[in-house]
Amino acid sequence: MSLKHVYLVFCLLGAALPLSQFVPWLIANGADLPLFFEQLLANPISRFFVFDVVVSALVLITFIIVESNRLPIKKGWLAIAATLCVGVSLGLPLFLYLRQLVLDEQRQAG
């Protein structure tokens, strides 16, 4: 299995696992933002994960912007959108997949 296919598998997992928890919550509670943030920040361990994910997302978005300018990655914005809509678990492997496509193309061009 090539590296780009591994990244695609991680994209599937990175979307399916978080959404398998969020979609049922959304169906049960609707777009209740006060409840969402109340539960999200309910205790120190949940805040630990919130802060970790927010910092990771900021680092990833910075990396996507810098790397997309360094390499001709035209669809890097898709990974930013995936990060903001689903999370780092989808945005990172999606960007690595897009980046690998460019690297493979450059390698083949010689």
PDB file of N, CA and C in Angstrom:
ATOM      1  N   MET A   1       0.851  -1.179   0.000  1.00  0.00           N
ATOM      2  CA  MET A   1       0.000   0.000   0.000  1.00  0.00           C
ATOM      3  C   MET A   1       0.894   1.237   0.000  1.00  0.00           C
ATOM      4  N   SER A   2       0.619   2.160  -0.908  1.00  0.00           N
ATOM      5  CA  SER A   2       1.431   3.369  -1.004  1.00  0.00           C
ATOM      6  C   SER A   2       1.087   4.330   0.136  1.00  0.00           C
ATOM      7  N   LEU A   3       1.980   5.274   0.354  1.00  0.00           N
ATOM      8  CA  LEU A   3       1.793   6.246   1.427  1.00  0.00           C
ATOM      9  C   LEU A   3       0.526   7.064   1.209  1.00  0.00           C
ATOM     10  N   LYS A   4       0.252   7.442  -0.033  1.00  0.00           N
ATOM     11  CA  LYS A   4      -0.953   8.244  -0.271  1.00  0.00           C
ATOM     12  C   LYS A   4      -2.219   7.453   0.058  1.00  0.00           C
ATOM     13  N   HIS A   5      -2.188   6.139  -0.141  1.00  0.00           N
ATOM     14  CA  HIS A   5      -3.346   5.324   0.229  1.00  0.00           C
ATOM     15  C   HIS A   5      -3.478   5.205   1.749  1.00  0.00           C
ATOM     16  N   VAL A   6      -2.367   5.155   2.436  1.00  0.00           N
ATOM     17  CA  VAL A   6      -2.398   5.153   3.908  1.00  0.00           C
ATOM     18  C   VAL A   6      -3.043   6.445   4.403  1.00  0.00           C
ATOM     19  N   TYR A   7      -2.660   7.578   3.803  1.00  0.00           N
ATOM     20  CA  TYR A   7      -3.256   8.861   4.186  1.00  0.00           C
ATOM     21  C   TYR A   7      -4.761   8.871   3.938  1.00  0.00           C
ATOM     22  N   LEU A   8      -5.206   8.260   2.838  1.00  0.00           N
ATOM     23  CA  LEU A   8      -6.645   8.197   2.560  1.00  0.00           C
ATOM     24  C   LEU A   8      -7.383   7.365   3.608  1.00  0.00           C
ATOM     25  N   VAL A   9      -6.769   6.271   4.044  1.00  0.00           N
ATOM     26  CA  VAL A   9      -7.375   5.462   5.113  1.00  0.00           C
ATOM     27  C   VAL A   9      -7.495   6.299   6.384  1.00  0.00           C
ATOM     28  N   PHE A  10      -6.444   7.061   6.694  1.00  0.00           N
ATOM     29  CA  PHE A  10      -6.499   7.931   7.870  1.00  0.00           C
ATOM     30  C   PHE A  10      -7.551   9.023   7.704  1.00  0.00           C
ATOM     31  N   CYS A  11      -7.763   9.504   6.481  1.00  0.00           N
ATOM     32  CA  CYS A  11      -8.839  10.474   6.233  1.00  0.00           C
ATOM     33  C   CYS A  11     -10.192   9.870   6.592  1.00  0.00           C
ATOM     34  N   LEU A  12     -10.412   8.648   6.157  1.00  0.00           N
ATOM     35  CA  LEU A  12     -11.683   7.983   6.463  1.00  0.00           C
ATOM     36  C   LEU A  12     -11.874   7.825   7.968  1.00  0.00           C
ATOM     37  N   LEU A  13     -10.837   7.346   8.640  1.00  0.00           N
ATOM     38  CA  LEU A  13     -10.914   7.206  10.100  1.00  0.00           C
ATOM     39  C   LEU A  13     -11.062   8.563  10.777  1.00  0.00           C
ATOM     40  N   GLY A  14     -10.309   9.543  10.286  1.00  0.00           N
ATOM     41  CA  GLY A  14     -10.315  10.877  10.876  1.00  0.00           C
ATOM     42  C   GLY A  14     -11.633  11.600  10.718  1.00  0.00           C
ATOM     43  N   ALA A  15     -12.414  11.212   9.736  1.00  0.00           N
ATOM     44  CA  ALA A  15     -13.760  11.772   9.584  1.00  0.00           C
ATOM     45  C   ALA A  15     -14.785  10.921  10.322  1.00  0.00           C
ATOM     46  N   ALA A  16     -14.720   9.613  10.126  1.00  0.00           N
ATOM     47  CA  ALA A  16     -15.753   8.716  10.660  1.00  0.00           C
ATOM     48  C   ALA A  16     -15.784   8.684  12.189  1.00  0.00           C
ATOM     49  N   LEU A  17     -14.628   8.594  12.823  1.00  0.00           N
ATOM     50  CA  LEU A  17     -14.618   8.451  14.286  1.00  0.00           C
ATOM     51  C   LEU A  17     -15.150   9.692  15.007  1.00  0.00           C
ATOM     52  N   PRO A  18     -14.640  10.892  14.714  1.00  0.00           N
ATOM     53  CA  PRO A  18     -15.200  12.061  15.407  1.00  0.00           C
ATOM     54  C   PRO A  18     -16.673  12.306  15.065  1.00  0.00           C
ATOM     55  N   LEU A  19     -17.022  12.146  13.785  1.00  0.00           N
ATOM     56  CA  LEU A  19     -18.407  12.405  13.393  1.00  0.00           C
ATOM     57  C   LEU A  19     -19.366  11.371  13.971  1.00  0.00           C
ATOM     58  N   SER A  20     -18.863  10.165  14.256  1.00  0.00           N
ATOM     59  CA  SER A  20     -19.724   9.143  14.868  1.00  0.00           C
ATOM     60  C   SER A  20     -20.160   9.558  16.273  1.00  0.00           C
ATOM     61  N   GLN A  21     -19.441  10.480  16.875  1.00  0.00           N
ATOM     62  CA  GLN A  21     -19.809  11.000  18.189  1.00  0.00           C
ATOM     63  C   GLN A  21     -20.577  12.313  18.085  1.00  0.00           C
ATOM     64  N   PHE A  22     -20.190  13.149  17.120  1.00  0.00           N
ATOM     65  CA  PHE A  22     -20.796  14.476  17.011  1.00  0.00           C
ATOM     66  C   PHE A  22     -22.193  14.434  16.403  1.00  0.00           C
ATOM     67  N   VAL A  23     -22.387  13.650  15.358  1.00  0.00           N
ATOM     68  CA  VAL A  23     -23.688  13.624  14.675  1.00  0.00           C
ATOM     69  C   VAL A  23     -24.811  13.168  15.612  1.00  0.00           C
ATOM     70  N   PRO A  24     -24.645  12.080  16.374  1.00  0.00           N
ATOM     71  CA  PRO A  24     -25.724  11.716  17.311  1.00  0.00           C
ATOM     72  C   PRO A  24     -25.996  12.804  18.356  1.00  0.00           C
ATOM     73  N   TRP A  25     -24.946  13.473  18.827  1.00  0.00           N
ATOM     74  CA  TRP A  25     -25.138  14.565  19.778  1.00  0.00           C
ATOM     75  C   TRP A  25     -25.942  15.679  19.121  1.00  0.00           C
ATOM     76  N   LEU A  26     -25.603  16.007  17.880  1.00  0.00           N
ATOM     77  CA  LEU A  26     -26.296  17.065  17.144  1.00  0.00           C
ATOM     78  C   LEU A  26     -27.759  16.694  16.905  1.00  0.00           C
ATOM     79  N   ILE A  27     -28.019  15.446  16.583  1.00  0.00           N
ATOM     80  CA  ILE A  27     -29.401  14.988  16.385  1.00  0.00           C
ATOM     81  C   ILE A  27     -30.185  15.095  17.693  1.00  0.00           C
ATOM     82  N   ALA A  28     -29.560  14.727  18.787  1.00  0.00           N
ATOM     83  CA  ALA A  28     -30.237  14.750  20.090  1.00  0.00           C
ATOM     84  C   ALA A  28     -30.443  16.161  20.627  1.00  0.00           C
ATOM     85  N   ASN A  29     -29.478  17.057  20.367  1.00  0.00           N
ATOM     86  CA  ASN A  29     -29.501  18.375  21.003  1.00  0.00           C
ATOM     87  C   ASN A  29     -29.698  19.541  20.049  1.00  0.00           C
ATOM     88  N   GLY A  30     -29.612  19.285  18.760  1.00  0.00           N
ATOM     89  CA  GLY A  30     -29.703  20.378  17.803  1.00  0.00           C
ATOM     90  C   GLY A  30     -28.478  21.272  17.899  1.00  0.00           C
ATOM     91  N   ALA A  31     -28.588  22.437  17.325  1.00  0.00           N
ATOM     92  CA  ALA A  31     -27.466  23.385  17.320  1.00  0.00           C
ATOM     93  C   ALA A  31     -27.505  24.248  18.581  1.00  0.00           C
ATOM     94  N   ASP A  32     -27.513  23.604  19.720  1.00  0.00           N
ATOM     95  CA  ASP A  32     -27.563  24.282  21.014  1.00  0.00           C
ATOM     96  C   ASP A  32     -26.139  24.656  21.423  1.00  0.00           C
ATOM     97  N   LEU A  33     -25.686  25.829  20.977  1.00  0.00           N
ATOM     98  CA  LEU A  33     -24.301  26.237  21.240  1.00  0.00           C
ATOM     99  C   LEU A  33     -23.987  26.401  22.723  1.00  0.00           C
ATOM    100  N   PRO A  34     -24.873  27.003  23.526  1.00  0.00           N
ATOM    101  CA  PRO A  34     -24.555  27.074  24.956  1.00  0.00           C
ATOM    102  C   PRO A  34     -24.335  25.692  25.578  1.00  0.00           C
ATOM    103  N   LEU A  35     -25.189  24.721  25.237  1.00  0.00           N
ATOM    104  CA  LEU A  35     -25.012  23.365  25.756  1.00  0.00           C
ATOM    105  C   LEU A  35     -23.733  22.738  25.214  1.00  0.00           C
ATOM    106  N   PHE A  36     -23.459  22.970  23.941  1.00  0.00           N
ATOM    107  CA  PHE A  36     -22.243  22.440  23.326  1.00  0.00           C
ATOM    108  C   PHE A  36     -21.010  22.902  24.101  1.00  0.00           C
ATOM    109  N   PHE A  37     -20.910  24.212  24.335  1.00  0.00           N
ATOM    110  CA  PHE A  37     -19.735  24.729  25.037  1.00  0.00           C
ATOM    111  C   PHE A  37     -19.740  24.348  26.518  1.00  0.00           C
ATOM    112  N   GLU A  38     -20.906  24.253  27.113  1.00  0.00           N
ATOM    113  CA  GLU A  38     -20.980  23.803  28.506  1.00  0.00           C
ATOM    114  C   GLU A  38     -20.406  22.391  28.641  1.00  0.00           C
ATOM    115  N   GLN A  39     -20.804  21.506  27.739  1.00  0.00           N
ATOM    116  CA  GLN A  39     -20.314  20.129  27.798  1.00  0.00           C
ATOM    117  C   GLN A  39     -18.863  20.025  27.343  1.00  0.00           C
ATOM    118  N   LEU A  40     -18.501  20.828  26.360  1.00  0.00           N
ATOM    119  CA  LEU A  40     -17.132  20.802  25.848  1.00  0.00           C
ATOM    120  C   LEU A  40     -16.123  21.201  26.925  1.00  0.00           C
ATOM    121  N   LEU A  41     -16.496  22.175  27.742  1.00  0.00           N
ATOM    122  CA  LEU A  41     -15.579  22.716  28.751  1.00  0.00           C
ATOM    123  C   LEU A  41     -15.967  22.286  30.167  1.00  0.00           C
ATOM    124  N   ALA A  42     -16.631  21.151  30.286  1.00  0.00           N
ATOM    125  CA  ALA A  42     -17.240  20.724  31.554  1.00  0.00           C
ATOM    126  C   ALA A  42     -16.249  20.437  32.671  1.00  0.00           C
ATOM    127  N   ASN A  43     -15.042  19.995  32.343  1.00  0.00           N
ATOM    128  CA  ASN A  43     -14.107  19.618  33.406  1.00  0.00           C
ATOM    129  C   ASN A  43     -12.672  19.787  32.905  1.00  0.00           C
ATOM    130  N   PRO A  44     -11.706  19.684  33.806  1.00  0.00           N
ATOM    131  CA  PRO A  44     -10.313  19.914  33.409  1.00  0.00           C
ATOM    132  C   PRO A  44      -9.816  18.988  32.299  1.00  0.00           C
ATOM    133  N   ILE A  45     -10.234  17.735  32.290  1.00  0.00           N
ATOM    134  CA  ILE A  45      -9.728  16.825  31.261  1.00  0.00           C
ATOM    135  C   ILE A  45     -10.313  17.167  29.898  1.00  0.00           C
ATOM    136  N   SER A  46     -11.564  17.579  29.851  1.00  0.00           N
ATOM    137  CA  SER A  46     -12.129  17.971  28.557  1.00  0.00           C
ATOM    138  C   SER A  46     -11.489  19.271  28.072  1.00  0.00           C
ATOM    139  N   ARG A  47     -11.207  20.200  28.990  1.00  0.00           N
ATOM    140  CA  ARG A  47     -10.522  21.439  28.597  1.00  0.00           C
ATOM    141  C   ARG A  47      -9.108  21.148  28.107  1.00  0.00           C
ATOM    142  N   PHE A  48      -8.445  20.167  28.723  1.00  0.00           N
ATOM    143  CA  PHE A  48      -7.127  19.744  28.253  1.00  0.00           C
ATOM    144  C   PHE A  48      -7.196  19.361  26.779  1.00  0.00           C
ATOM    145  N   PHE A  49      -8.178  18.533  26.424  1.00  0.00           N
ATOM    146  CA  PHE A  49      -8.311  18.098  25.034  1.00  0.00           C
ATOM    147  C   PHE A  49      -8.707  19.247  24.114  1.00  0.00           C
ATOM    148  N   VAL A  50      -9.563  20.135  24.581  1.00  0.00           N
ATOM    149  CA  VAL A  50      -9.949  21.300  23.772  1.00  0.00           C
ATOM    150  C   VAL A  50      -8.721  22.139  23.447  1.00  0.00           C
ATOM    151  N   PHE A  51      -7.934  22.471  24.463  1.00  0.00           N
ATOM    152  CA  PHE A  51      -6.758  23.305  24.238  1.00  0.00           C
ATOM    153  C   PHE A  51      -5.750  22.609  23.336  1.00  0.00           C
ATOM    154  N   ASP A  52      -5.563  21.316  23.536  1.00  0.00           N
ATOM    155  CA  ASP A  52      -4.640  20.548  22.705  1.00  0.00           C
ATOM    156  C   ASP A  52      -5.073  20.569  21.242  1.00  0.00           C
ATOM    157  N   VAL A  53      -6.351  20.349  20.993  1.00  0.00           N
ATOM    158  CA  VAL A  53      -6.853  20.311  19.616  1.00  0.00           C
ATOM    159  C   VAL A  53      -6.810  21.699  18.980  1.00  0.00           C
ATOM    160  N   VAL A  54      -7.147  22.730  19.729  1.00  0.00           N
ATOM    161  CA  VAL A  54      -7.117  24.090  19.171  1.00  0.00           C
ATOM    162  C   VAL A  54      -5.692  24.477  18.780  1.00  0.00           C
ATOM    163  N   VAL A  55      -4.733  24.224  19.654  1.00  0.00           N
ATOM    164  CA  VAL A  55      -3.336  24.537  19.326  1.00  0.00           C
ATOM    165  C   VAL A  55      -2.875  23.700  18.134  1.00  0.00           C
ATOM    166  N   SER A  56      -3.212  22.426  18.123  1.00  0.00           N
ATOM    167  CA  SER A  56      -2.838  21.558  16.997  1.00  0.00           C
ATOM    168  C   SER A  56      -3.444  22.059  15.695  1.00  0.00           C
ATOM    169  N   ALA A  57      -4.687  22.499  15.729  1.00  0.00           N
ATOM    170  CA  ALA A  57      -5.342  23.019  14.525  1.00  0.00           C
ATOM    171  C   ALA A  57      -4.653  24.285  14.030  1.00  0.00           C
ATOM    172  N   LEU A  58      -4.276  25.175  14.941  1.00  0.00           N
ATOM    173  CA  LEU A  58      -3.572  26.402  14.541  1.00  0.00           C
ATOM    174  C   LEU A  58      -2.220  26.083  13.912  1.00  0.00           C
ATOM    175  N   VAL A  59      -1.498  25.143  14.507  1.00  0.00           N
ATOM    176  CA  VAL A  59      -0.207  24.726  13.949  1.00  0.00           C
ATOM    177  C   VAL A  59      -0.412  24.104  12.575  1.00  0.00           C
ATOM    178  N   LEU A  60      -1.415  23.248  12.450  1.00  0.00           N
ATOM    179  CA  LEU A  60      -1.677  22.592  11.172  1.00  0.00           C
ATOM    180  C   LEU A  60      -2.048  23.602  10.093  1.00  0.00           C
ATOM    181  N   ILE A  61      -2.913  24.549  10.405  1.00  0.00           N
ATOM    182  CA  ILE A  61      -3.303  25.555   9.412  1.00  0.00           C
ATOM    183  C   ILE A  61      -2.094  26.370   8.979  1.00  0.00           C
ATOM    184  N   THR A  62      -1.237  26.727   9.916  1.00  0.00           N
ATOM    185  CA  THR A  62       0.000  27.439   9.570  1.00  0.00           C
ATOM    186  C   THR A  62       0.861  26.592   8.648  1.00  0.00           C
ATOM    187  N   PHE A  63       1.026  25.323   8.983  1.00  0.00           N
ATOM    188  CA  PHE A  63       1.817  24.404   8.154  1.00  0.00           C
ATOM    189  C   PHE A  63       1.220  24.274   6.755  1.00  0.00           C
ATOM    190  N   ILE A  64      -0.093  24.159   6.668  1.00  0.00           N
ATOM    191  CA  ILE A  64      -0.754  24.033   5.368  1.00  0.00           C
ATOM    192  C   ILE A  64      -0.488  25.264   4.514  1.00  0.00           C
ATOM    193  N   ILE A  65      -0.618  26.434   5.095  1.00  0.00           N
ATOM    194  CA  ILE A  65      -0.401  27.677   4.339  1.00  0.00           C
ATOM    195  C   ILE A  65       1.040  27.771   3.866  1.00  0.00           C
ATOM    196  N   VAL A  66       1.991  27.535   4.756  1.00  0.00           N
ATOM    197  CA  VAL A  66       3.409  27.634   4.403  1.00  0.00           C
ATOM    198  C   VAL A  66       3.784  26.588   3.361  1.00  0.00           C
ATOM    199  N   GLU A  67       3.379  25.354   3.590  1.00  0.00           N
ATOM    200  CA  GLU A  67       3.757  24.261   2.690  1.00  0.00           C
ATOM    201  C   GLU A  67       3.055  24.375   1.338  1.00  0.00           C
ATOM    202  N   SER A  68       1.830  24.887   1.333  1.00  0.00           N
ATOM    203  CA  SER A  68       1.116  25.083   0.065  1.00  0.00           C
ATOM    204  C   SER A  68       1.768  26.166  -0.777  1.00  0.00           C
ATOM    205  N   ASN A  69       2.392  27.131  -0.138  1.00  0.00           N
ATOM    206  CA  ASN A  69       3.128  28.164  -0.877  1.00  0.00           C
ATOM    207  C   ASN A  69       4.488  27.659  -1.344  1.00  0.00           C
ATOM    208  N   ARG A  70       5.091  26.775  -0.565  1.00  0.00           N
ATOM    209  CA  ARG A  70       6.405  26.233  -0.926  1.00  0.00           C
ATOM    210  C   ARG A  70       6.291  25.247  -2.083  1.00  0.00           C
ATOM    211  N   LEU A  71       5.296  24.403  -2.022  1.00  0.00           N
ATOM    212  CA  LEU A  71       5.038  23.431  -3.087  1.00  0.00           C
ATOM    213  C   LEU A  71       3.791  23.890  -3.847  1.00  0.00           C
ATOM    214  N   PRO A  72       3.633  23.466  -5.067  1.00  0.00           N
ATOM    215  CA  PRO A  72       2.422  23.886  -5.798  1.00  0.00           C
ATOM    216  C   PRO A  72       1.191  23.057  -5.402  1.00  0.00           C
ATOM    217  N   ILE A  73       0.778  23.188  -4.142  1.00  0.00           N
ATOM    218  CA  ILE A  73      -0.402  22.466  -3.657  1.00  0.00           C
ATOM    219  C   ILE A  73      -1.590  23.409  -3.809  1.00  0.00           C
ATOM    220  N   LYS A  74      -2.369  23.184  -4.864  1.00  0.00           N
ATOM    221  CA  LYS A  74      -3.445  24.114  -5.199  1.00  0.00           C
ATOM    222  C   LYS A  74      -4.693  23.925  -4.345  1.00  0.00           C
ATOM    223  N   LYS A  75      -4.878  22.747  -3.797  1.00  0.00           N
ATOM    224  CA  LYS A  75      -6.100  22.479  -3.042  1.00  0.00           C
ATOM    225  C   LYS A  75      -5.850  22.373  -1.539  1.00  0.00           C
ATOM    226  N   GLY A  76      -4.817  23.039  -1.065  1.00  0.00           N
ATOM    227  CA  GLY A  76      -4.536  23.031   0.365  1.00  0.00           C
ATOM    228  C   GLY A  76      -5.681  23.592   1.186  1.00  0.00           C
ATOM    229  N   TRP A  77      -6.435  24.493   0.574  1.00  0.00           N
ATOM    230  CA  TRP A  77      -7.585  25.086   1.268  1.00  0.00           C
ATOM    231  C   TRP A  77      -8.600  24.023   1.685  1.00  0.00           C
ATOM    232  N   LEU A  78      -8.668  22.915   0.944  1.00  0.00           N
ATOM    233  CA  LEU A  78      -9.585  21.830   1.324  1.00  0.00           C
ATOM    234  C   LEU A  78      -9.219  21.256   2.694  1.00  0.00           C
ATOM    235  N   ALA A  79      -7.928  21.144   2.948  1.00  0.00           N
ATOM    236  CA  ALA A  79      -7.477  20.620   4.239  1.00  0.00           C
ATOM    237  C   ALA A  79      -7.769  21.611   5.365  1.00  0.00           C
ATOM    238  N   ILE A  80      -7.682  22.907   5.067  1.00  0.00           N
ATOM    239  CA  ILE A  80      -8.045  23.913   6.078  1.00  0.00           C
ATOM    240  C   ILE A  80      -9.537  23.808   6.377  1.00  0.00           C
ATOM    241  N   ALA A  81     -10.349  23.696   5.334  1.00  0.00           N
ATOM    242  CA  ALA A  81     -11.797  23.555   5.531  1.00  0.00           C
ATOM    243  C   ALA A  81     -12.120  22.282   6.316  1.00  0.00           C
ATOM    244  N   ALA A  82     -11.437  21.187   5.994  1.00  0.00           N
ATOM    245  CA  ALA A  82     -11.661  19.922   6.705  1.00  0.00           C
ATOM    246  C   ALA A  82     -11.275  20.049   8.176  1.00  0.00           C
ATOM    247  N   THR A  83     -10.193  20.775   8.447  1.00  0.00           N
ATOM    248  CA  THR A  83      -9.755  20.990   9.829  1.00  0.00           C
ATOM    249  C   THR A  83     -10.790  21.792  10.605  1.00  0.00           C
ATOM    250  N   LEU A  84     -11.323  22.832   9.980  1.00  0.00           N
ATOM    251  CA  LEU A  84     -12.295  23.681  10.662  1.00  0.00           C
ATOM    252  C   LEU A  84     -13.662  23.014  10.803  1.00  0.00           C
ATOM    253  N   CYS A  85     -14.030  22.172   9.851  1.00  0.00           N
ATOM    254  CA  CYS A  85     -15.358  21.536   9.872  1.00  0.00           C
ATOM    255  C   CYS A  85     -15.392  20.227  10.654  1.00  0.00           C
ATOM    256  N   VAL A  86     -14.320  19.450  10.586  1.00  0.00           N
ATOM    257  CA  VAL A  86     -14.282  18.156  11.283  1.00  0.00           C
ATOM    258  C   VAL A  86     -13.221  18.175  12.370  1.00  0.00           C
ATOM    259  N   GLY A  87     -11.991  18.496  11.989  1.00  0.00           N
ATOM    260  CA  GLY A  87     -10.921  18.553  12.971  1.00  0.00           C
ATOM    261  C   GLY A  87      -9.583  18.178  12.380  1.00  0.00           C
ATOM    262  N   VAL A  88      -8.581  18.228  13.217  1.00  0.00           N
ATOM    263  CA  VAL A  88      -7.218  17.875  12.831  1.00  0.00           C
ATOM    264  C   VAL A  88      -7.168  16.431  12.334  1.00  0.00           C
ATOM    265  N   SER A  89      -8.028  15.590  12.876  1.00  0.00           N
ATOM    266  CA  SER A  89      -8.023  14.171  12.507  1.00  0.00           C
ATOM    267  C   SER A  89      -8.346  13.946  11.036  1.00  0.00           C
ATOM    268  N   LEU A  90      -9.024  14.878  10.398  1.00  0.00           N
ATOM    269  CA  LEU A  90      -9.262  14.808   8.953  1.00  0.00           C
ATOM    270  C   LEU A  90      -8.338  15.754   8.203  1.00  0.00           C
ATOM    271  N   GLY A  91      -8.147  16.956   8.717  1.00  0.00           N
ATOM    272  CA  GLY A  91      -7.349  17.956   8.014  1.00  0.00           C
ATOM    273  C   GLY A  91      -5.909  17.543   7.792  1.00  0.00           C
ATOM    274  N   LEU A  92      -5.287  16.929   8.797  1.00  0.00           N
ATOM    275  CA  LEU A  92      -3.880  16.537   8.665  1.00  0.00           C
ATOM    276  C   LEU A  92      -3.687  15.439   7.626  1.00  0.00           C
ATOM    277  N   PRO A  93      -4.384  14.310   7.714  1.00  0.00           N
ATOM    278  CA  PRO A  93      -4.144  13.294   6.686  1.00  0.00           C
ATOM    279  C   PRO A  93      -4.569  13.748   5.292  1.00  0.00           C
ATOM    280  N   LEU A  94      -5.594  14.597   5.204  1.00  0.00           N
ATOM    281  CA  LEU A  94      -5.993  15.105   3.889  1.00  0.00           C
ATOM    282  C   LEU A  94      -4.885  15.961   3.294  1.00  0.00           C
ATOM    283  N   PHE A  95      -4.301  16.842   4.108  1.00  0.00           N
ATOM    284  CA  PHE A  95      -3.214  17.666   3.584  1.00  0.00           C
ATOM    285  C   PHE A  95      -2.006  16.813   3.221  1.00  0.00           C
ATOM    286  N   LEU A  96      -1.680  15.840   4.053  1.00  0.00           N
ATOM    287  CA  LEU A  96      -0.543  14.970   3.738  1.00  0.00           C
ATOM    288  C   LEU A  96      -0.787  14.196   2.448  1.00  0.00           C
ATOM    289  N   TYR A  97      -2.027  13.796   2.201  1.00  0.00           N
ATOM    290  CA  TYR A  97      -2.385  13.139   0.938  1.00  0.00           C
ATOM    291  C   TYR A  97      -2.174  14.098  -0.237  1.00  0.00           C
ATOM    292  N   LEU A  98      -2.702  15.316  -0.127  1.00  0.00           N
ATOM    293  CA  LEU A  98      -2.547  16.302  -1.203  1.00  0.00           C
ATOM    294  C   LEU A  98      -1.074  16.626  -1.444  1.00  0.00           C
ATOM    295  N   ARG A  99      -0.325  16.729  -0.371  1.00  0.00           N
ATOM    296  CA  ARG A  99       1.109  17.009  -0.472  1.00  0.00           C
ATOM    297  C   ARG A  99       1.836  15.848  -1.143  1.00  0.00           C
ATOM    298  N   GLN A 100       1.465  14.622  -0.788  1.00  0.00           N
ATOM    299  CA  GLN A 100       2.108  13.447  -1.376  1.00  0.00           C
ATOM    300  C   GLN A 100       1.831  13.357  -2.871  1.00  0.00           C
ATOM    301  N   LEU A 101       0.641  13.758  -3.302  1.00  0.00           N
ATOM    302  CA  LEU A 101       0.335  13.780  -4.735  1.00  0.00           C
ATOM    303  C   LEU A 101       1.316  14.675  -5.487  1.00  0.00           C
ATOM    304  N   VAL A 102       1.581  15.849  -4.925  1.00  0.00           N
ATOM    305  CA  VAL A 102       2.519  16.789  -5.553  1.00  0.00           C
ATOM    306  C   VAL A 102       3.933  16.228  -5.527  1.00  0.00           C
ATOM    307  N   LEU A 103       4.346  15.670  -4.396  1.00  0.00           N
ATOM    308  CA  LEU A 103       5.696  15.108  -4.297  1.00  0.00           C
ATOM    309  C   LEU A 103       5.883  13.951  -5.273  1.00  0.00           C
ATOM    310  N   ASP A 104       4.873  13.088  -5.412  1.00  0.00           N
ATOM    311  CA  ASP A 104       4.960  11.979  -6.367  1.00  0.00           C
ATOM    312  C   ASP A 104       5.044  12.495  -7.797  1.00  0.00           C
ATOM    313  N   GLU A 105       4.268  13.525  -8.087  1.00  0.00           N
ATOM    314  CA  GLU A 105       4.291  14.129  -9.424  1.00  0.00           C
ATOM    315  C   GLU A 105       5.658  14.735  -9.720  1.00  0.00           C
ATOM    316  N   GLN A 106       6.227  15.431  -8.750  1.00  0.00           N
ATOM    317  CA  GLN A 106       7.558  16.021  -8.931  1.00  0.00           C
ATOM    318  C   GLN A 106       8.615  14.939  -9.116  1.00  0.00           C
ATOM    319  N   ARG A 107       8.487  13.856  -8.369  1.00  0.00           N
ATOM    320  CA  ARG A 107       9.443  12.757  -8.464  1.00  0.00           C
ATOM    321  C   ARG A 107       9.372  12.110  -9.848  1.00  0.00           C
ATOM    322  N   GLN A 108       8.173  11.945 -10.382  1.00  0.00           N
ATOM    323  CA  GLN A 108       8.006  11.343 -11.706  1.00  0.00           C
ATOM    324  C   GLN A 108       8.511  12.256 -12.812  1.00  0.00           C
ATOM    325  N   ALA A 109       8.375  13.571 -12.610  1.00  0.00           N
ATOM    326  CA  ALA A 109       8.841  14.530 -13.612  1.00  0.00           C
ATOM    327  C   ALA A 109      10.367  14.585 -13.655  1.00  0.00           C
ATOM    328  N   GLY A 110      10.976  14.135 -12.578  1.00  0.00           N
ATOM    329  CA  GLY A 110      12.415  14.010 -12.530  1.00  0.00           C
ATOM    330  C   GLY A 110      13.130  15.212 -12.117  1.00  0.00           C
TER     331      GLY A 110
END
